[in-house]
Amino acid sequence: MERTVVACLGDSITAGSPLWDPDPDVRTRIGAALDERSRWEWWAERRDATLDLRNHGVYGERADQNHHKQHTTRSLTHGTLQLRTQH
């Protein structure tokens, strides 16, 4: 099965706030309330198994402010790169 790599750039909604964050340190601070179902990717991956979603959401930043876009693009070295932003 061919997978489609999707870099998910955006704000706290993309990150999964309030109950999830791609940053392990933030997840530690969330503690017992942590719930991966707060990530929209959790739902999308169940709907389409060909998606390989990479969550690069940042709490407090809009997609056009994400300073790590170049790093994200470099880290995706296989599959099809699709950039989708949320405002």
Foldseek 3Di string as FASTA:
>chain_A
DAAAEEEEEFEVQQQLPPQGGPDVVNNVVSPPSHDPVSHVVVVVCVVPVRYDYDRPYYYPDGRVPPPCPVVSVVVDDDHHYDYDGDD
